[in-house]
């Protein structure tokens, strides 16, 4: 993670945004699969910004109704091995 903004695209953030967009377009299963794939890649020791973003995105696609996702955290995500 960098302390200063850059003009360089962030592939992980782009992938998170893409998964969220898929979910918002009604492709919830695709969004879940992509978010799981990203979590497996980032893991618990990955970039804190990516972990936080993913942890706050994840409950939206695994909780029914989405309003129940409030208060969930990274511990709700599947473990990586």
PDB file of N, CA and C in Angstrom:
ATOM      1  N   UNK A   1       0.841  -1.166   0.000  1.00  0.00           N
ATOM      2  CA  UNK A   1       0.000   0.000   0.000  1.00  0.00           C
ATOM      3  C   UNK A   1       0.893   1.236   0.000  1.00  0.00           C
ATOM      4  N   UNK A   2       0.527   2.220  -0.771  1.00  0.00           N
ATOM      5  CA  UNK A   2       1.318   3.447  -0.817  1.00  0.00           C
ATOM      6  C   UNK A   2       0.624   4.545  -0.024  1.00  0.00           C
ATOM      7  N   UNK A   3       1.422   5.472   0.463  1.00  0.00           N
ATOM      8  CA  UNK A   3       0.884   6.572   1.253  1.00  0.00           C
ATOM      9  C   UNK A   3       0.439   7.736   0.374  1.00  0.00           C
ATOM     10  N   UNK A   4       0.876   7.752  -0.865  1.00  0.00           N
ATOM     11  CA  UNK A   4       0.513   8.848  -1.752  1.00  0.00           C
ATOM     12  C   UNK A   4      -0.252   8.314  -2.956  1.00  0.00           C
ATOM     13  N   UNK A   5      -1.189   9.111  -3.461  1.00  0.00           N
ATOM     14  CA  UNK A   5      -1.954   8.675  -4.632  1.00  0.00           C
ATOM     15  C   UNK A   5      -1.044   8.511  -5.849  1.00  0.00           C
ATOM     16  N   UNK A   6      -1.418   7.575  -6.699  1.00  0.00           N
ATOM     17  CA  UNK A   6      -0.669   7.374  -7.933  1.00  0.00           C
ATOM     18  C   UNK A   6      -1.644   7.311  -9.097  1.00  0.00           C
ATOM     19  N   UNK A   7      -1.117   7.468 -10.291  1.00  0.00           N
ATOM     20  CA  UNK A   7      -1.934   7.344 -11.493  1.00  0.00           C
ATOM     21  C   UNK A   7      -1.936   5.916 -12.011  1.00  0.00           C
ATOM     22  N   UNK A   8      -1.229   5.036 -11.323  1.00  0.00           N
ATOM     23  CA  UNK A   8      -1.133   3.645 -11.747  1.00  0.00           C
ATOM     24  C   UNK A   8      -2.403   2.900 -11.350  1.00  0.00           C
ATOM     25  N   UNK A   9      -3.031   2.213 -12.298  1.00  0.00           N
ATOM     26  CA  UNK A   9      -4.233   1.445 -11.951  1.00  0.00           C
ATOM     27  C   UNK A   9      -3.908   0.351 -10.932  1.00  0.00           C
ATOM     28  N   UNK A  10      -4.861   0.064 -10.083  1.00  0.00           N
ATOM     29  CA  UNK A  10      -4.722  -0.978  -9.073  1.00  0.00           C
ATOM     30  C   UNK A  10      -5.538  -2.182  -9.544  1.00  0.00           C
ATOM     31  N   UNK A  11      -4.884  -3.235 -10.026  1.00  0.00           N
ATOM     32  CA  UNK A  11      -5.616  -4.379 -10.569  1.00  0.00           C
ATOM     33  C   UNK A  11      -6.542  -5.049  -9.552  1.00  0.00           C
ATOM     34  N   UNK A  12      -6.142  -5.060  -8.289  1.00  0.00           N
ATOM     35  CA  UNK A  12      -6.998  -5.678  -7.269  1.00  0.00           C
ATOM     36  C   UNK A  12      -8.259  -4.861  -7.066  1.00  0.00           C
ATOM     37  N   UNK A  13      -8.128  -3.550  -6.973  1.00  0.00           N
ATOM     38  CA  UNK A  13      -9.317  -2.710  -6.820  1.00  0.00           C
ATOM     39  C   UNK A  13     -10.198  -2.801  -8.062  1.00  0.00           C
ATOM     40  N   UNK A  14      -9.581  -2.856  -9.227  1.00  0.00           N
ATOM     41  CA  UNK A  14     -10.366  -3.008 -10.453  1.00  0.00           C
ATOM     42  C   UNK A  14     -11.159  -4.308 -10.430  1.00  0.00           C
ATOM     43  N   UNK A  15     -10.551  -5.386  -9.932  1.00  0.00           N
ATOM     44  CA  UNK A  15     -11.236  -6.680  -9.853  1.00  0.00           C
ATOM     45  C   UNK A  15     -12.373  -6.634  -8.831  1.00  0.00           C
ATOM     46  N   UNK A  16     -12.170  -5.951  -7.717  1.00  0.00           N
ATOM     47  CA  UNK A  16     -13.232  -5.816  -6.715  1.00  0.00           C
ATOM     48  C   UNK A  16     -14.398  -5.033  -7.304  1.00  0.00           C
ATOM     49  N   UNK A  17     -14.103  -3.932  -7.961  1.00  0.00           N
ATOM     50  CA  UNK A  17     -15.149  -3.118  -8.582  1.00  0.00           C
ATOM     51  C   UNK A  17     -15.899  -3.925  -9.636  1.00  0.00           C
ATOM     52  N   UNK A  18     -15.182  -4.709 -10.404  1.00  0.00           N
ATOM     53  CA  UNK A  18     -15.807  -5.544 -11.427  1.00  0.00           C
ATOM     54  C   UNK A  18     -16.757  -6.564 -10.798  1.00  0.00           C
ATOM     55  N   UNK A  19     -16.333  -7.198  -9.712  1.00  0.00           N
ATOM     56  CA  UNK A  19     -17.185  -8.176  -9.025  1.00  0.00           C
ATOM     57  C   UNK A  19     -18.425  -7.500  -8.443  1.00  0.00           C
ATOM     58  N   UNK A  20     -18.250  -6.344  -7.840  1.00  0.00           N
ATOM     59  CA  UNK A  20     -19.382  -5.608  -7.282  1.00  0.00           C
ATOM     60  C   UNK A  20     -20.354  -5.226  -8.391  1.00  0.00           C
ATOM     61  N   UNK A  21     -19.833  -4.758  -9.502  1.00  0.00           N
ATOM     62  CA  UNK A  21     -20.690  -4.394 -10.635  1.00  0.00           C
ATOM     63  C   UNK A  21     -21.485  -5.590 -11.130  1.00  0.00           C
ATOM     64  N   UNK A  22     -20.833  -6.746 -11.203  1.00  0.00           N
ATOM     65  CA  UNK A  22     -21.529  -7.963 -11.632  1.00  0.00           C
ATOM     66  C   UNK A  22     -22.671  -8.276 -10.664  1.00  0.00           C
ATOM     67  N   UNK A  23     -22.414  -8.163  -9.381  1.00  0.00           N
ATOM     68  CA  UNK A  23     -23.453  -8.414  -8.386  1.00  0.00           C
ATOM     69  C   UNK A  23     -24.606  -7.435  -8.492  1.00  0.00           C
ATOM     70  N   UNK A  24     -24.281  -6.171  -8.714  1.00  0.00           N
ATOM     71  CA  UNK A  24     -25.320  -5.159  -8.849  1.00  0.00           C
ATOM     72  C   UNK A  24     -26.141  -5.363 -10.118  1.00  0.00           C
ATOM     73  N   UNK A  25     -25.543  -5.989 -11.110  1.00  0.00           N
ATOM     74  CA  UNK A  25     -26.249  -6.279 -12.360  1.00  0.00           C
ATOM     75  C   UNK A  25     -27.058  -7.569 -12.272  1.00  0.00           C
ATOM     76  N   UNK A  26     -27.097  -8.183 -11.085  1.00  0.00           N
ATOM     77  CA  UNK A  26     -27.893  -9.382 -10.891  1.00  0.00           C
ATOM     78  C   UNK A  26     -27.123 -10.683 -10.986  1.00  0.00           C
ATOM     79  N   UNK A  27     -25.837 -10.616 -11.224  1.00  0.00           N
ATOM     80  CA  UNK A  27     -24.998 -11.814 -11.333  1.00  0.00           C
ATOM     81  C   UNK A  27     -24.336 -12.092  -9.979  1.00  0.00           C
ATOM     82  N   UNK A  28     -25.173 -12.375  -8.989  1.00  0.00           N
ATOM     83  CA  UNK A  28     -24.701 -12.513  -7.615  1.00  0.00           C
ATOM     84  C   UNK A  28     -23.760 -13.702  -7.461  1.00  0.00           C
ATOM     85  N   UNK A  29     -24.074 -14.824  -8.106  1.00  0.00           N
ATOM     86  CA  UNK A  29     -23.187 -15.994  -8.002  1.00  0.00           C
ATOM     87  C   UNK A  29     -21.806 -15.694  -8.572  1.00  0.00           C
ATOM     88  N   UNK A  30     -21.766 -14.997  -9.691  1.00  0.00           N
ATOM     89  CA  UNK A  30     -20.486 -14.604 -10.285  1.00  0.00           C
ATOM     90  C   UNK A  30     -19.732 -13.683  -9.325  1.00  0.00           C
ATOM     91  N   UNK A  31     -20.437 -12.727  -8.741  1.00  0.00           N
ATOM     92  CA  UNK A  31     -19.807 -11.804  -7.792  1.00  0.00           C
ATOM     93  C   UNK A  31     -19.209 -12.574  -6.618  1.00  0.00           C
ATOM     94  N   UNK A  32     -19.964 -13.525  -6.081  1.00  0.00           N
ATOM     95  CA  UNK A  32     -19.459 -14.331  -4.955  1.00  0.00           C
ATOM     96  C   UNK A  32     -18.196 -15.087  -5.343  1.00  0.00           C
ATOM     97  N   UNK A  33     -18.235 -15.737  -6.509  1.00  0.00           N
ATOM     98  CA  UNK A  33     -17.057 -16.506  -6.953  1.00  0.00           C
ATOM     99  C   UNK A  33     -15.839 -15.607  -7.111  1.00  0.00           C
ATOM    100  N   UNK A  34     -16.037 -14.449  -7.714  1.00  0.00           N
ATOM    101  CA  UNK A  34     -14.912 -13.533  -7.924  1.00  0.00           C
ATOM    102  C   UNK A  34     -14.380 -12.994  -6.600  1.00  0.00           C
ATOM    103  N   UNK A  35     -15.276 -12.669  -5.681  1.00  0.00           N
ATOM    104  CA  UNK A  35     -14.832 -12.167  -4.381  1.00  0.00           C
ATOM    105  C   UNK A  35     -14.092 -13.250  -3.602  1.00  0.00           C
ATOM    106  N   UNK A  36     -14.560 -14.495  -3.697  1.00  0.00           N
ATOM    107  CA  UNK A  36     -13.844 -15.609  -3.060  1.00  0.00           C
ATOM    108  C   UNK A  36     -12.457 -15.788  -3.662  1.00  0.00           C
ATOM    109  N   UNK A  37     -12.373 -15.692  -4.977  1.00  0.00           N
ATOM    110  CA  UNK A  37     -11.091 -15.827  -5.665  1.00  0.00           C
ATOM    111  C   UNK A  37     -10.138 -14.717  -5.206  1.00  0.00           C
ATOM    112  N   UNK A  38     -10.666 -13.504  -5.115  1.00  0.00           N
ATOM    113  CA  UNK A  38      -9.840 -12.382  -4.670  1.00  0.00           C
ATOM    114  C   UNK A  38      -9.396 -12.563  -3.222  1.00  0.00           C
ATOM    115  N   UNK A  39     -10.307 -13.037  -2.370  1.00  0.00           N
ATOM    116  CA  UNK A  39      -9.943 -13.242  -0.972  1.00  0.00           C
ATOM    117  C   UNK A  39      -8.849 -14.293  -0.852  1.00  0.00           C
ATOM    118  N   UNK A  40      -8.960 -15.350  -1.637  1.00  0.00           N
ATOM    119  CA  UNK A  40      -7.932 -16.398  -1.607  1.00  0.00           C
ATOM    120  C   UNK A  40      -6.581 -15.830  -2.023  1.00  0.00           C
ATOM    121  N   UNK A  41      -6.596 -14.893  -2.954  1.00  0.00           N
ATOM    122  CA  UNK A  41      -5.350 -14.289  -3.423  1.00  0.00           C
ATOM    123  C   UNK A  41      -4.805 -13.271  -2.413  1.00  0.00           C
ATOM    124  N   UNK A  42      -5.673 -12.454  -1.841  1.00  0.00           N
ATOM    125  CA  UNK A  42      -5.236 -11.410  -0.904  1.00  0.00           C
ATOM    126  C   UNK A  42      -4.883 -12.020   0.451  1.00  0.00           C
ATOM    127  N   UNK A  43      -5.785 -12.824   0.996  1.00  0.00           N
ATOM    128  CA  UNK A  43      -5.556 -13.488   2.275  1.00  0.00           C
ATOM    129  C   UNK A  43      -5.476 -12.538   3.450  1.00  0.00           C
ATOM    130  N   UNK A  44      -5.282 -13.106   4.616  1.00  0.00           N
ATOM    131  CA  UNK A  44      -5.278 -12.322   5.853  1.00  0.00           C
ATOM    132  C   UNK A  44      -4.008 -11.496   6.030  1.00  0.00           C
ATOM    133  N   UNK A  45      -2.994 -11.778   5.257  1.00  0.00           N
ATOM    134  CA  UNK A  45      -1.748 -11.011   5.377  1.00  0.00           C
ATOM    135  C   UNK A  45      -1.547 -10.061   4.204  1.00  0.00           C
ATOM    136  N   UNK A  46      -2.556  -9.937   3.351  1.00  0.00           N
ATOM    137  CA  UNK A  46      -2.443  -9.075   2.177  1.00  0.00           C
ATOM    138  C   UNK A  46      -2.538  -7.599   2.520  1.00  0.00           C
ATOM    139  N   UNK A  47      -2.542  -6.794   1.488  1.00  0.00           N
ATOM    140  CA  UNK A  47      -2.621  -5.345   1.625  1.00  0.00           C
ATOM    141  C   UNK A  47      -3.837  -4.962   2.484  1.00  0.00           C
ATOM    142  N   UNK A  48      -3.634  -4.183   3.552  1.00  0.00           N
ATOM    143  CA  UNK A  48      -4.742  -3.828   4.445  1.00  0.00           C
ATOM    144  C   UNK A  48      -5.894  -3.109   3.742  1.00  0.00           C
ATOM    145  N   UNK A  49      -5.587  -2.251   2.792  1.00  0.00           N
ATOM    146  CA  UNK A  49      -6.653  -1.538   2.075  1.00  0.00           C
ATOM    147  C   UNK A  49      -7.511  -2.516   1.282  1.00  0.00           C
ATOM    148  N   UNK A  50      -6.869  -3.459   0.605  1.00  0.00           N
ATOM    149  CA  UNK A  50      -7.615  -4.450  -0.170  1.00  0.00           C
ATOM    150  C   UNK A  50      -8.429  -5.353   0.751  1.00  0.00           C
ATOM    151  N   UNK A  51      -7.841  -5.778   1.861  1.00  0.00           N
ATOM    152  CA  UNK A  51      -8.553  -6.634   2.818  1.00  0.00           C
ATOM    153  C   UNK A  51      -9.781  -5.925   3.371  1.00  0.00           C
ATOM    154  N   UNK A  52      -9.619  -4.674   3.742  1.00  0.00           N
ATOM    155  CA  UNK A  52     -10.726  -3.902   4.307  1.00  0.00           C
ATOM    156  C   UNK A  52     -11.833  -3.710   3.270  1.00  0.00           C
ATOM    157  N   UNK A  53     -11.445  -3.346   2.061  1.00  0.00           N
ATOM    158  CA  UNK A  53     -12.434  -3.153   1.001  1.00  0.00           C
ATOM    159  C   UNK A  53     -13.199  -4.436   0.744  1.00  0.00           C
ATOM    160  N   UNK A  54     -12.493  -5.529   0.631  1.00  0.00           N
ATOM    161  CA  UNK A  54     -13.130  -6.814   0.362  1.00  0.00           C
ATOM    162  C   UNK A  54     -13.998  -7.260   1.538  1.00  0.00           C
ATOM    163  N   UNK A  55     -13.531  -7.043   2.751  1.00  0.00           N
ATOM    164  CA  UNK A  55     -14.306  -7.435   3.930  1.00  0.00           C
ATOM    165  C   UNK A  55     -15.619  -6.668   4.026  1.00  0.00           C
ATOM    166  N   UNK A  56     -15.611  -5.420   3.583  1.00  0.00           N
ATOM    167  CA  UNK A  56     -16.837  -4.633   3.630  1.00  0.00           C
ATOM    168  C   UNK A  56     -17.721  -4.878   2.415  1.00  0.00           C
ATOM    169  N   UNK A  57     -17.172  -5.446   1.371  1.00  0.00           N
ATOM    170  CA  UNK A  57     -17.935  -5.768   0.167  1.00  0.00           C
ATOM    171  C   UNK A  57     -18.578  -7.133   0.290  1.00  0.00           C
ATOM    172  N   UNK A  58     -17.851  -8.086   0.838  1.00  0.00           N
ATOM    173  CA  UNK A  58     -18.262  -9.484   0.918  1.00  0.00           C
ATOM    174  C   UNK A  58     -19.669  -9.690   1.481  1.00  0.00           C
ATOM    175  N   UNK A  59     -20.027  -9.123   2.640  1.00  0.00           N
ATOM    176  CA  UNK A  59     -21.343  -9.412   3.222  1.00  0.00           C
ATOM    177  C   UNK A  59     -22.518  -9.057   2.317  1.00  0.00           C
ATOM    178  N   UNK A  60     -22.352  -8.086   1.458  1.00  0.00           N
ATOM    179  CA  UNK A  60     -23.426  -7.683   0.560  1.00  0.00           C
ATOM    180  C   UNK A  60     -23.875  -8.830  -0.323  1.00  0.00           C
ATOM    181  N   UNK A  61     -22.960  -9.714  -0.674  1.00  0.00           N
ATOM    182  CA  UNK A  61     -23.279 -10.781  -1.615  1.00  0.00           C
ATOM    183  C   UNK A  61     -23.496 -12.137  -0.957  1.00  0.00           C
ATOM    184  N   UNK A  62     -23.328 -12.228   0.342  1.00  0.00           N
ATOM    185  CA  UNK A  62     -23.557 -13.515   1.011  1.00  0.00           C
ATOM    186  C   UNK A  62     -24.650 -13.439   2.063  1.00  0.00           C
ATOM    187  N   UNK A  63     -25.171 -12.262   2.324  1.00  0.00           N
ATOM    188  CA  UNK A  63     -26.175 -12.083   3.354  1.00  0.00           C
ATOM    189  C   UNK A  63     -27.514 -11.746   2.717  1.00  0.00           C
ATOM    190  N   UNK A  64     -28.557 -12.454   3.142  1.00  0.00           N
ATOM    191  CA  UNK A  64     -29.897 -12.172   2.646  1.00  0.00           C
ATOM    192  C   UNK A  64     -30.760 -11.828   3.845  1.00  0.00           C
ATOM    193  N   UNK A  65     -31.407 -10.699   3.890  1.00  0.00           N
ATOM    194  CA  UNK A  65     -31.241  -9.588   2.967  1.00  0.00           C
ATOM    195  C   UNK A  65     -29.927  -8.857   3.231  1.00  0.00           C
ATOM    196  N   UNK A  66     -29.460  -8.099   2.243  1.00  0.00           N
ATOM    197  CA  UNK A  66     -28.174  -7.400   2.405  1.00  0.00           C
ATOM    198  C   UNK A  66     -28.119  -6.500   3.632  1.00  0.00           C
ATOM    199  N   UNK A  67     -29.252  -5.991   4.088  1.00  0.00           N
ATOM    200  CA  UNK A  67     -29.246  -5.105   5.257  1.00  0.00           C
ATOM    201  C   UNK A  67     -28.724  -5.806   6.505  1.00  0.00           C
ATOM    202  N   UNK A  68     -28.744  -7.145   6.528  1.00  0.00           N
ATOM    203  CA  UNK A  68     -28.234  -7.893   7.677  1.00  0.00           C
ATOM    204  C   UNK A  68     -26.712  -7.920   7.708  1.00  0.00           C
ATOM    205  N   UNK A  69     -26.078  -7.397   6.679  1.00  0.00           N
ATOM    206  CA  UNK A  69     -24.621  -7.459   6.607  1.00  0.00           C
ATOM    207  C   UNK A  69     -23.933  -6.489   7.557  1.00  0.00           C
ATOM    208  N   UNK A  70     -24.656  -5.540   8.106  1.00  0.00           N
ATOM    209  CA  UNK A  70     -24.049  -4.567   9.012  1.00  0.00           C
ATOM    210  C   UNK A  70     -23.387  -5.280  10.184  1.00  0.00           C
ATOM    211  N   UNK A  71     -22.206  -4.869  10.496  1.00  0.00           N
ATOM    212  CA  UNK A  71     -21.505  -5.421  11.643  1.00  0.00           C
ATOM    213  C   UNK A  71     -20.662  -6.639  11.333  1.00  0.00           C
ATOM    214  N   UNK A  72     -20.729  -7.149  10.115  1.00  0.00           N
ATOM    215  CA  UNK A  72     -19.891  -8.300   9.776  1.00  0.00           C
ATOM    216  C   UNK A  72     -18.467  -7.809   9.555  1.00  0.00           C
ATOM    217  N   UNK A  73     -17.515  -8.704   9.677  1.00  0.00           N
ATOM    218  CA  UNK A  73     -16.126  -8.305   9.516  1.00  0.00           C
ATOM    219  C   UNK A  73     -15.351  -9.370   8.765  1.00  0.00           C
ATOM    220  N   UNK A  74     -14.072  -9.170   8.653  1.00  0.00           N
ATOM    221  CA  UNK A  74     -13.224 -10.076   7.888  1.00  0.00           C
ATOM    222  C   UNK A  74     -13.287 -11.505   8.421  1.00  0.00           C
ATOM    223  N   UNK A  75     -13.604 -11.688   9.693  1.00  0.00           N
ATOM    224  CA  UNK A  75     -13.701 -13.038  10.239  1.00  0.00           C
ATOM    225  C   UNK A  75     -14.826 -13.833   9.602  1.00  0.00           C
ATOM    226  N   UNK A  76     -15.787 -13.161   8.964  1.00  0.00           N
ATOM    227  CA  UNK A  76     -16.888 -13.872   8.328  1.00  0.00           C
ATOM    228  C   UNK A  76     -16.480 -14.470   6.991  1.00  0.00           C
ATOM    229  N   UNK A  77     -15.320 -14.112   6.512  1.00  0.00           N
ATOM    230  CA  UNK A  77     -14.875 -14.593   5.212  1.00  0.00           C
ATOM    231  C   UNK A  77     -14.218 -15.958   5.352  1.00  0.00           C
ATOM    232  N   UNK A  78     -14.263 -16.736   4.282  1.00  0.00           N
ATOM    233  CA  UNK A  78     -13.665 -18.064   4.334  1.00  0.00           C
ATOM    234  C   UNK A  78     -12.161 -17.995   4.580  1.00  0.00           C
ATOM    235  N   UNK A  79     -11.612 -18.979   5.283  1.00  0.00           N
ATOM    236  CA  UNK A  79     -10.165 -18.991   5.506  1.00  0.00           C
ATOM    237  C   UNK A  79      -9.416 -19.264   4.207  1.00  0.00           C
ATOM    238  N   UNK A  80      -8.203 -18.796   4.148  1.00  0.00           N
ATOM    239  CA  UNK A  80      -7.359 -19.085   2.988  1.00  0.00           C
ATOM    240  C   UNK A  80      -6.277 -20.056   3.419  1.00  0.00           C
ATOM    241  N   UNK A  81      -5.929 -20.929   2.537  1.00  0.00           N
ATOM    242  CA  UNK A  81      -4.868 -21.905   2.827  1.00  0.00           C
ATOM    243  C   UNK A  81      -3.971 -22.035   1.629  1.00  0.00           C
TER     244      UNK A  81
END
